[in-house]
Amino acid sequence: MKIAILGDLHFICPDDPITARVDRACFENTETYFQKQKEYIQKENVDLVISLGDLVDWYSDINRDYAIDHMDSIGIPWKMVAGNHDFQMYPDLSQEVPVHTKPADTRHICTESWLKKGIELHDRIIETDGADLLLLENGPSKTLTTTQTWLKEVLEYRENISLFTHVPLDTPEIRAYITKKSPQRALSKYVCSGSPWLYYDIRDKVNHVFTGHLHFAGELKAGITEMHLIPLGCYSSIGHNREMGRITFYDTCSNRIDSINLPA
């Protein structure tokens, strides 16, 4: 099976009423840029597309539907893990400067709303020829309360496993890498700090870990576990996103991983 892996896309529907009141213009070209990605994916004989979360820049029904329509337009089955922005809402638009919710506070509401449109966000397994794909929810920098028990049971009887989640795992190597690459980042947010056990439970039991969230790329290895930090999937005018627009291809049978950066 050949998989196309997309980093954060941050779709914003032009018709969302909050658009003009939030300074998120850095993502205004996402739709145009996504068309380039779609065309490239369609030429690559891909079997599955996986979004690593932050599919929308904030949750609203109109943003959700807009993003789903774009992903469906690829014409290839797709799955997603939830990012923090996929749970983040602006519930009171009457304010002059709207304030968004904390993702952890609206996680359950948004999960149900995505599911109404057929989009699963819960921890789950996709069995393929070549590898088992674990899709794990950790958008608010922590896993669900049921994840550790579920994961322990899964790892007991499966081999050749690849893990897909939004926030990078909390390891000394990843913390050091983020600090060097982007010193201003708050590590409590940019690693899975609410579930520090996660790395130690999967270490040497999972071959590949694919994560987004950081908007920049990285390749780290601990034992047999290779951690792939996937950069921003869309175009952004923010200066530190020089590695944006990457598509990563993973062949589960050959274990080959290739990436391409599309021009802005």
C-alpha atoms as a PDB file:
ATOM      1  CA  MET A   1       0.000   0.000   0.000  1.00  0.00           C
ATOM      2  CA  LYS A   2       1.237   3.477  -0.892  1.00  0.00           C
ATOM      3  CA  ILE A   3       0.228   6.275   1.478  1.00  0.00           C
ATOM      4  CA  ALA A   4       0.409  10.027   0.955  1.00  0.00           C
ATOM      5  CA  ILE A   5       0.931  11.828   4.266  1.00  0.00           C
ATOM      6  CA  LEU A   6      -0.033  15.487   4.592  1.00  0.00           C
ATOM      7  CA  GLY A   7       0.995  17.837   7.371  1.00  0.00           C
ATOM      8  CA  ASP A   8      -1.163  20.636   8.790  1.00  0.00           C
ATOM      9  CA  LEU A   9      -3.429  22.155   6.120  1.00  0.00           C
ATOM     10  CA  HIS A  10      -5.371  24.751   8.168  1.00  0.00           C
ATOM     11  CA  PHE A  11      -8.317  25.091   5.782  1.00  0.00           C
ATOM     12  CA  ILE A  12     -10.441  28.222   6.281  1.00  0.00           C
ATOM     13  CA  CYS A  13     -13.703  28.535   4.373  1.00  0.00           C
ATOM     14  CA  PRO A  14     -14.013  32.004   2.805  1.00  0.00           C
ATOM     15  CA  ASP A  15     -17.675  32.022   3.894  1.00  0.00           C
ATOM     16  CA  ASP A  16     -16.964  31.455   7.584  1.00  0.00           C
ATOM     17  CA  PRO A  17     -18.133  34.654   9.359  1.00  0.00           C
ATOM     18  CA  ILE A  18     -15.127  34.653  11.658  1.00  0.00           C
ATOM     19  CA  THR A  19     -12.675  34.886   8.755  1.00  0.00           C
ATOM     20  CA  ALA A  20     -12.486  38.655   8.534  1.00  0.00           C
ATOM     21  CA  ARG A  21     -12.152  39.033  12.301  1.00  0.00           C
ATOM     22  CA  VAL A  22      -9.188  36.756  12.930  1.00  0.00           C
ATOM     23  CA  ASP A  23      -5.661  37.520  11.809  1.00  0.00           C
ATOM     24  CA  ARG A  24      -4.997  34.242  10.024  1.00  0.00           C
ATOM     25  CA  ALA A  25      -4.209  35.666   6.613  1.00  0.00           C
ATOM     26  CA  CYS A  26      -1.007  33.594   6.530  1.00  0.00           C
ATOM     27  CA  PHE A  27      -3.185  30.668   5.384  1.00  0.00           C
ATOM     28  CA  GLU A  28      -5.266  32.518   2.805  1.00  0.00           C
ATOM     29  CA  ASN A  29      -3.696  30.633  -0.135  1.00  0.00           C
ATOM     30  CA  THR A  30      -4.303  27.154   1.255  1.00  0.00           C
ATOM     31  CA  GLU A  31      -7.014  26.248  -1.263  1.00  0.00           C
ATOM     32  CA  THR A  32      -4.922  27.221  -4.307  1.00  0.00           C
ATOM     33  CA  TYR A  33      -1.900  25.403  -2.955  1.00  0.00           C
ATOM     34  CA  PHE A  34      -3.920  22.302  -2.132  1.00  0.00           C
ATOM     35  CA  GLN A  35      -4.860  21.957  -5.799  1.00  0.00           C
ATOM     36  CA  LYS A  36      -1.168  21.472  -6.624  1.00  0.00           C
ATOM     37  CA  GLN A  37      -0.882  18.807  -3.944  1.00  0.00           C
ATOM     38  CA  LYS A  38      -4.003  17.047  -5.165  1.00  0.00           C
ATOM     39  CA  GLU A  39      -2.786  16.878  -8.739  1.00  0.00           C
ATOM     40  CA  TYR A  40       0.556  15.456  -7.640  1.00  0.00           C
ATOM     41  CA  ILE A  41      -1.035  12.845  -5.365  1.00  0.00           C
ATOM     42  CA  GLN A  42      -3.384  11.737  -8.129  1.00  0.00           C
ATOM     43  CA  LYS A  43      -0.410  11.023 -10.406  1.00  0.00           C
ATOM     44  CA  GLU A  44       1.412   8.898  -7.825  1.00  0.00           C
ATOM     45  CA  ASN A  45      -0.824   5.799  -7.707  1.00  0.00           C
ATOM     46  CA  VAL A  46      -1.619   6.373  -4.032  1.00  0.00           C
ATOM     47  CA  ASP A  47      -3.977   4.024  -2.154  1.00  0.00           C
ATOM     48  CA  LEU A  48      -4.636   6.130   0.957  1.00  0.00           C
ATOM     49  CA  VAL A  49      -4.145   9.716   2.133  1.00  0.00           C
ATOM     50  CA  ILE A  50      -3.572  10.485   5.818  1.00  0.00           C
ATOM     51  CA  SER A  51      -3.880  13.975   7.292  1.00  0.00           C
ATOM     52  CA  LEU A  52      -1.789  14.500  10.425  1.00  0.00           C
ATOM     53  CA  GLY A  53      -4.280  16.959  11.893  1.00  0.00           C
ATOM     54  CA  ASP A  54      -5.058  20.664  11.939  1.00  0.00           C
ATOM     55  CA  LEU A  55      -7.084  20.024   8.830  1.00  0.00           C
ATOM     56  CA  VAL A  56      -8.973  23.221   9.687  1.00  0.00           C
ATOM     57  CA  ASP A  57      -7.601  26.385  11.260  1.00  0.00           C
ATOM     58  CA  TRP A  58     -10.439  26.389  13.780  1.00  0.00           C
ATOM     59  CA  TYR A  59     -13.502  24.200  14.145  1.00  0.00           C
ATOM     60  CA  SER A  60     -16.819  25.362  12.760  1.00  0.00           C
ATOM     61  CA  ASP A  61     -19.340  23.358  10.773  1.00  0.00           C
ATOM     62  CA  ILE A  62     -18.612  25.406   7.672  1.00  0.00           C
ATOM     63  CA  ASN A  63     -14.838  24.966   7.980  1.00  0.00           C
ATOM     64  CA  ARG A  64     -15.289  21.250   8.607  1.00  0.00           C
ATOM     65  CA  ASP A  65     -17.466  20.769   5.525  1.00  0.00           C
ATOM     66  CA  TYR A  66     -15.141  22.895   3.398  1.00  0.00           C
ATOM     67  CA  ALA A  67     -12.126  20.790   4.393  1.00  0.00           C
ATOM     68  CA  ILE A  68     -13.966  17.493   3.889  1.00  0.00           C
ATOM     69  CA  ASP A  69     -15.080  18.549   0.409  1.00  0.00           C
ATOM     70  CA  HIS A  70     -11.489  19.338  -0.548  1.00  0.00           C
ATOM     71  CA  MET A  71     -10.128  16.061   0.812  1.00  0.00           C
ATOM     72  CA  ASP A  72     -12.919  14.106  -0.902  1.00  0.00           C
ATOM     73  CA  SER A  73     -12.065  15.842  -4.190  1.00  0.00           C
ATOM     74  CA  ILE A  74      -8.734  13.968  -4.307  1.00  0.00           C
ATOM     75  CA  GLY A  75     -10.747  10.888  -5.245  1.00  0.00           C
ATOM     76  CA  ILE A  76      -8.697   8.607  -2.972  1.00  0.00           C
ATOM     77  CA  PRO A  77      -9.752   7.212   0.434  1.00  0.00           C
ATOM     78  CA  TRP A  78      -8.462   9.395   3.270  1.00  0.00           C
ATOM     79  CA  LYS A  79      -8.202   9.353   7.045  1.00  0.00           C
ATOM     80  CA  MET A  80      -7.167  11.919   9.607  1.00  0.00           C
ATOM     81  CA  VAL A  81      -5.932  12.219  13.145  1.00  0.00           C
ATOM     82  CA  ALA A  82      -7.149  15.235  15.084  1.00  0.00           C
ATOM     83  CA  GLY A  83      -4.979  18.273  15.685  1.00  0.00           C
ATOM     84  CA  ASN A  84      -5.517  20.911  18.338  1.00  0.00           C
ATOM     85  CA  HIS A  85      -7.047  23.296  15.771  1.00  0.00           C
ATOM     86  CA  ASP A  86      -9.613  20.657  14.801  1.00  0.00           C
ATOM     87  CA  PHE A  87     -11.003  21.002  18.362  1.00  0.00           C
ATOM     88  CA  GLN A  88     -10.600  24.778  18.711  1.00  0.00           C
ATOM     89  CA  MET A  89     -13.757  26.902  18.391  1.00  0.00           C
ATOM     90  CA  TYR A  90     -14.861  30.536  18.457  1.00  0.00           C
ATOM     91  CA  PRO A  91     -18.197  30.043  20.224  1.00  0.00           C
ATOM     92  CA  ASP A  92     -19.175  33.690  20.779  1.00  0.00           C
ATOM     93  CA  LEU A  93     -18.959  35.771  17.616  1.00  0.00           C
ATOM     94  CA  SER A  94     -20.649  38.755  19.262  1.00  0.00           C
ATOM     95  CA  GLN A  95     -17.381  39.819  20.847  1.00  0.00           C
ATOM     96  CA  GLU A  96     -15.387  42.523  19.097  1.00  0.00           C
ATOM     97  CA  VAL A  97     -12.326  40.312  19.394  1.00  0.00           C
ATOM     98  CA  PRO A  98     -13.587  36.705  19.543  1.00  0.00           C
ATOM     99  CA  VAL A  99     -11.796  34.342  21.927  1.00  0.00           C
ATOM    100  CA  HIS A 100     -11.338  30.698  20.996  1.00  0.00           C
ATOM    101  CA  THR A 101     -11.840  27.776  23.337  1.00  0.00           C
ATOM    102  CA  LYS A 102      -9.096  25.551  24.667  1.00  0.00           C
ATOM    103  CA  PRO A 103      -8.996  22.393  22.517  1.00  0.00           C
ATOM    104  CA  ALA A 104      -9.262  20.132  25.565  1.00  0.00           C
ATOM    105  CA  ASP A 105     -12.518  21.836  26.607  1.00  0.00           C
ATOM    106  CA  THR A 106     -14.304  21.294  23.280  1.00  0.00           C
ATOM    107  CA  ARG A 107     -12.652  18.025  22.278  1.00  0.00           C
ATOM    108  CA  HIS A 108     -15.762  15.920  22.863  1.00  0.00           C
ATOM    109  CA  ILE A 109     -18.160  18.308  21.116  1.00  0.00           C
ATOM    110  CA  CYS A 110     -15.957  18.599  18.039  1.00  0.00           C
ATOM    111  CA  THR A 111     -15.288  14.862  17.873  1.00  0.00           C
ATOM    112  CA  GLU A 112     -19.039  14.214  17.700  1.00  0.00           C
ATOM    113  CA  SER A 113     -19.458  16.911  15.056  1.00  0.00           C
ATOM    114  CA  TRP A 114     -16.727  15.417  12.836  1.00  0.00           C
ATOM    115  CA  LEU A 115     -18.294  11.972  13.273  1.00  0.00           C
ATOM    116  CA  LYS A 116     -21.667  13.260  12.053  1.00  0.00           C
ATOM    117  CA  LYS A 117     -19.930  13.770   8.719  1.00  0.00           C
ATOM    118  CA  GLY A 118     -18.373  10.305   8.819  1.00  0.00           C
ATOM    119  CA  ILE A 119     -14.897  11.430   9.947  1.00  0.00           C
ATOM    120  CA  GLU A 120     -13.490   9.262  12.732  1.00  0.00           C
ATOM    121  CA  LEU A 121     -10.953  10.771  15.127  1.00  0.00           C
ATOM    122  CA  HIS A 122     -10.718   8.102  17.830  1.00  0.00           C
ATOM    123  CA  ASP A 123      -7.741   5.757  18.332  1.00  0.00           C
ATOM    124  CA  ARG A 124      -7.933   3.018  15.721  1.00  0.00           C
ATOM    125  CA  ILE A 125      -6.019   0.537  13.559  1.00  0.00           C
ATOM    126  CA  ILE A 126      -5.901   0.229   9.787  1.00  0.00           C
ATOM    127  CA  GLU A 127      -4.598  -3.135   8.640  1.00  0.00           C
ATOM    128  CA  THR A 128      -2.692  -3.089   5.360  1.00  0.00           C
ATOM    129  CA  ASP A 129      -0.423  -5.401   3.456  1.00  0.00           C
ATOM    130  CA  GLY A 130       2.997  -4.617   4.866  1.00  0.00           C
ATOM    131  CA  ALA A 131       2.167  -2.717   8.045  1.00  0.00           C
ATOM    132  CA  ASP A 132      -0.505  -1.976  10.618  1.00  0.00           C
ATOM    133  CA  LEU A 133      -1.298   1.734  10.828  1.00  0.00           C
ATOM    134  CA  LEU A 134      -2.141   3.131  14.260  1.00  0.00           C
ATOM    135  CA  LEU A 135      -4.041   6.424  14.179  1.00  0.00           C
ATOM    136  CA  LEU A 136      -3.848   7.990  17.610  1.00  0.00           C
ATOM    137  CA  GLU A 137      -5.527  11.114  18.954  1.00  0.00           C
ATOM    138  CA  ASN A 138      -3.349  13.548  20.921  1.00  0.00           C
ATOM    139  CA  GLY A 139      -4.401  16.930  19.544  1.00  0.00           C
ATOM    140  CA  PRO A 140      -4.414  18.823  22.861  1.00  0.00           C
ATOM    141  CA  SER A 141      -0.865  17.503  23.601  1.00  0.00           C
ATOM    142  CA  LYS A 142      -2.249  14.520  25.487  1.00  0.00           C
ATOM    143  CA  THR A 143      -3.911  11.233  24.613  1.00  0.00           C
ATOM    144  CA  LEU A 144      -7.323  10.008  25.633  1.00  0.00           C
ATOM    145  CA  THR A 145      -7.597   8.388  29.068  1.00  0.00           C
ATOM    146  CA  THR A 146      -8.210   5.010  27.405  1.00  0.00           C
ATOM    147  CA  THR A 147      -5.232   5.170  25.034  1.00  0.00           C
ATOM    148  CA  GLN A 148      -2.509   3.618  27.186  1.00  0.00           C
ATOM    149  CA  THR A 149      -4.490   0.443  27.921  1.00  0.00           C
ATOM    150  CA  TRP A 150      -5.621   0.157  24.299  1.00  0.00           C
ATOM    151  CA  LEU A 151      -2.115   0.674  22.986  1.00  0.00           C
ATOM    152  CA  LYS A 152      -0.616  -1.930  25.313  1.00  0.00           C
ATOM    153  CA  GLU A 153      -3.076  -4.531  24.062  1.00  0.00           C
ATOM    154  CA  VAL A 154      -2.426  -3.607  20.426  1.00  0.00           C
ATOM    155  CA  LEU A 155       1.351  -3.810  20.704  1.00  0.00           C
ATOM    156  CA  GLU A 156       1.268  -7.239  22.321  1.00  0.00           C
ATOM    157  CA  TYR A 157       0.259  -9.097  19.172  1.00  0.00           C
ATOM    158  CA  ARG A 158       1.215  -6.883  16.228  1.00  0.00           C
ATOM    159  CA  GLU A 159       4.459  -6.315  14.389  1.00  0.00           C
ATOM    160  CA  ASN A 160       5.591  -3.852  11.725  1.00  0.00           C
ATOM    161  CA  ILE A 161       3.569  -0.983  13.119  1.00  0.00           C
ATOM    162  CA  SER A 162       3.510   2.661  12.031  1.00  0.00           C
ATOM    163  CA  LEU A 163       2.000   5.342  14.236  1.00  0.00           C
ATOM    164  CA  PHE A 164       0.279   8.507  12.995  1.00  0.00           C
ATOM    165  CA  THR A 165      -0.542  11.290  15.448  1.00  0.00           C
ATOM    166  CA  HIS A 166      -0.560  15.073  15.527  1.00  0.00           C
ATOM    167  CA  VAL A 167       1.762  16.202  18.314  1.00  0.00           C
ATOM    168  CA  PRO A 168       5.360  14.884  18.411  1.00  0.00           C
ATOM    169  CA  LEU A 169       6.186  12.468  21.205  1.00  0.00           C
ATOM    170  CA  ASP A 170       7.753  13.764  24.399  1.00  0.00           C
ATOM    171  CA  THR A 171      11.372  12.613  24.183  1.00  0.00           C
ATOM    172  CA  PRO A 172      14.628  14.374  25.142  1.00  0.00           C
ATOM    173  CA  GLU A 173      15.781  14.176  21.515  1.00  0.00           C
ATOM    174  CA  ILE A 174      12.660  15.845  20.148  1.00  0.00           C
ATOM    175  CA  ARG A 175      12.683  18.496  22.878  1.00  0.00           C
ATOM    176  CA  ALA A 176      16.299  19.328  22.058  1.00  0.00           C
ATOM    177  CA  TYR A 177      15.555  19.438  18.337  1.00  0.00           C
ATOM    178  CA  ILE A 178      12.606  21.802  18.765  1.00  0.00           C
ATOM    179  CA  THR A 179      14.585  24.058  21.103  1.00  0.00           C
ATOM    180  CA  LYS A 180      17.410  24.300  18.583  1.00  0.00           C
ATOM    181  CA  LYS A 181      15.117  24.818  15.608  1.00  0.00           C
ATOM    182  CA  SER A 182      12.609  27.191  17.200  1.00  0.00           C
ATOM    183  CA  PRO A 183      13.757  28.350  20.667  1.00  0.00           C
ATOM    184  CA  GLN A 184      10.601  30.370  21.370  1.00  0.00           C
ATOM    185  CA  ARG A 185       8.327  27.318  21.342  1.00  0.00           C
ATOM    186  CA  ALA A 186       6.629  26.301  24.604  1.00  0.00           C
ATOM    187  CA  LEU A 187       7.537  22.628  24.861  1.00  0.00           C
ATOM    188  CA  SER A 188       4.490  21.833  26.981  1.00  0.00           C
ATOM    189  CA  LYS A 189       2.423  22.535  23.845  1.00  0.00           C
ATOM    190  CA  TYR A 190       4.707  21.289  21.079  1.00  0.00           C
ATOM    191  CA  VAL A 191       5.377  17.798  22.437  1.00  0.00           C
ATOM    192  CA  CYS A 192       2.858  15.346  23.877  1.00  0.00           C
ATOM    193  CA  SER A 193       3.665  16.565  27.395  1.00  0.00           C
ATOM    194  CA  GLY A 194       0.360  15.426  28.872  1.00  0.00           C
ATOM    195  CA  SER A 195       1.220  11.793  28.082  1.00  0.00           C
ATOM    196  CA  PRO A 196       4.994  11.414  28.582  1.00  0.00           C
ATOM    197  CA  TRP A 197       4.589   7.642  28.849  1.00  0.00           C
ATOM    198  CA  LEU A 198       3.709   7.358  25.162  1.00  0.00           C
ATOM    199  CA  TYR A 199       7.240   7.239  23.792  1.00  0.00           C
ATOM    200  CA  TYR A 200       8.427   4.686  26.340  1.00  0.00           C
ATOM    201  CA  ASP A 201       5.469   2.412  25.610  1.00  0.00           C
ATOM    202  CA  ILE A 202       6.048   2.389  21.848  1.00  0.00           C
ATOM    203  CA  ARG A 203       9.860   2.539  21.785  1.00  0.00           C
ATOM    204  CA  ASP A 204      11.345  -0.328  19.746  1.00  0.00           C
ATOM    205  CA  LYS A 205       7.823  -1.682  19.139  1.00  0.00           C
ATOM    206  CA  VAL A 206       6.827   0.812  16.445  1.00  0.00           C
ATOM    207  CA  ASN A 207       8.903   1.231  13.306  1.00  0.00           C
ATOM    208  CA  HIS A 208       7.731   4.674  12.187  1.00  0.00           C
ATOM    209  CA  VAL A 209       6.069   7.614  13.921  1.00  0.00           C
ATOM    210  CA  PHE A 210       4.646  10.383  11.718  1.00  0.00           C
ATOM    211  CA  THR A 211       3.661  13.661  13.394  1.00  0.00           C
ATOM    212  CA  GLY A 212       2.751  17.224  12.387  1.00  0.00           C
ATOM    213  CA  HIS A 213       2.047  20.295  14.564  1.00  0.00           C
ATOM    214  CA  LEU A 214       5.509  21.898  14.408  1.00  0.00           C
ATOM    215  CA  HIS A 215       5.251  23.217  10.829  1.00  0.00           C
ATOM    216  CA  PHE A 216       8.880  22.246  10.196  1.00  0.00           C
ATOM    217  CA  ALA A 217      10.598  18.996   9.266  1.00  0.00           C
ATOM    218  CA  GLY A 218      12.867  16.635  11.169  1.00  0.00           C
ATOM    219  CA  GLU A 219      14.105  13.054  11.166  1.00  0.00           C
ATOM    220  CA  LEU A 220      15.123  11.440  14.459  1.00  0.00           C
ATOM    221  CA  LYS A 221      15.755   7.854  15.488  1.00  0.00           C
ATOM    222  CA  ALA A 222      15.674   6.033  18.819  1.00  0.00           C
ATOM    223  CA  GLY A 223      16.428   2.315  18.626  1.00  0.00           C
ATOM    224  CA  ILE A 224      14.365   0.909  15.751  1.00  0.00           C
ATOM    225  CA  THR A 225      11.826   3.713  15.965  1.00  0.00           C
ATOM    226  CA  GLU A 226      12.128   6.389  13.288  1.00  0.00           C
ATOM    227  CA  MET A 227      10.309   9.643  14.044  1.00  0.00           C
ATOM    228  CA  HIS A 228       9.313  11.730  11.049  1.00  0.00           C
ATOM    229  CA  LEU A 229       8.353  15.336  11.822  1.00  0.00           C
ATOM    230  CA  ILE A 230       6.216  16.404   8.863  1.00  0.00           C
ATOM    231  CA  PRO A 231       6.146  20.137   8.068  1.00  0.00           C
ATOM    232  CA  LEU A 232       3.225  22.342   7.140  1.00  0.00           C
ATOM    233  CA  GLY A 233       1.170  20.823   4.330  1.00  0.00           C
ATOM    234  CA  CYS A 234      -0.175  24.100   2.963  1.00  0.00           C
ATOM    235  CA  TYR A 235       1.356  27.359   1.818  1.00  0.00           C
ATOM    236  CA  SER A 236       1.929  29.958   4.525  1.00  0.00           C
ATOM    237  CA  SER A 237       3.406  33.436   4.477  1.00  0.00           C
ATOM    238  CA  ILE A 238       4.896  32.958   7.947  1.00  0.00           C
ATOM    239  CA  GLY A 239       8.679  33.164   7.628  1.00  0.00           C
ATOM    240  CA  HIS A 240       9.682  30.112   9.640  1.00  0.00           C
ATOM    241  CA  ASN A 241       7.668  27.798   7.390  1.00  0.00           C
ATOM    242  CA  ARG A 242      10.325  27.495   4.708  1.00  0.00           C
ATOM    243  CA  GLU A 243       9.783  23.727   4.529  1.00  0.00           C
ATOM    244  CA  MET A 244       6.070  24.030   3.885  1.00  0.00           C
ATOM    245  CA  GLY A 245       4.117  22.162   1.279  1.00  0.00           C
ATOM    246  CA  ARG A 246       5.696  18.759   1.682  1.00  0.00           C
ATOM    247  CA  ILE A 247       4.017  15.521   0.671  1.00  0.00           C
ATOM    248  CA  THR A 248       5.493  12.384   2.230  1.00  0.00           C
ATOM    249  CA  PHE A 249       4.948   9.026   0.530  1.00  0.00           C
ATOM    250  CA  TYR A 250       5.193   5.803   2.519  1.00  0.00           C
ATOM    251  CA  ASP A 251       5.118   2.374   0.857  1.00  0.00           C
ATOM    252  CA  THR A 252       4.185  -0.108   3.576  1.00  0.00           C
ATOM    253  CA  CYS A 253       5.432  -3.112   1.573  1.00  0.00           C
ATOM    254  CA  SER A 254       8.880  -1.840   0.631  1.00  0.00           C
ATOM    255  CA  ASN A 255       9.175   0.309   3.790  1.00  0.00           C
ATOM    256  CA  ARG A 256      10.315   3.144   1.542  1.00  0.00           C
ATOM    257  CA  ILE A 257       9.664   6.752   2.554  1.00  0.00           C
ATOM    258  CA  ASP A 258      10.068   9.622   0.099  1.00  0.00           C
ATOM    259  CA  SER A 259       9.171  13.284   0.373  1.00  0.00           C
ATOM    260  CA  ILE A 260       8.715  16.107  -2.083  1.00  0.00           C
ATOM    261  CA  ASN A 261       8.403  19.839  -1.427  1.00  0.00           C
ATOM    262  CA  LEU A 262       6.110  21.545  -3.906  1.00  0.00           C
ATOM    263  CA  PRO A 263       6.949  25.113  -4.965  1.00  0.00           C
ATOM    264  CA  ALA A 264       4.814  27.947  -3.604  1.00  0.00           C
END
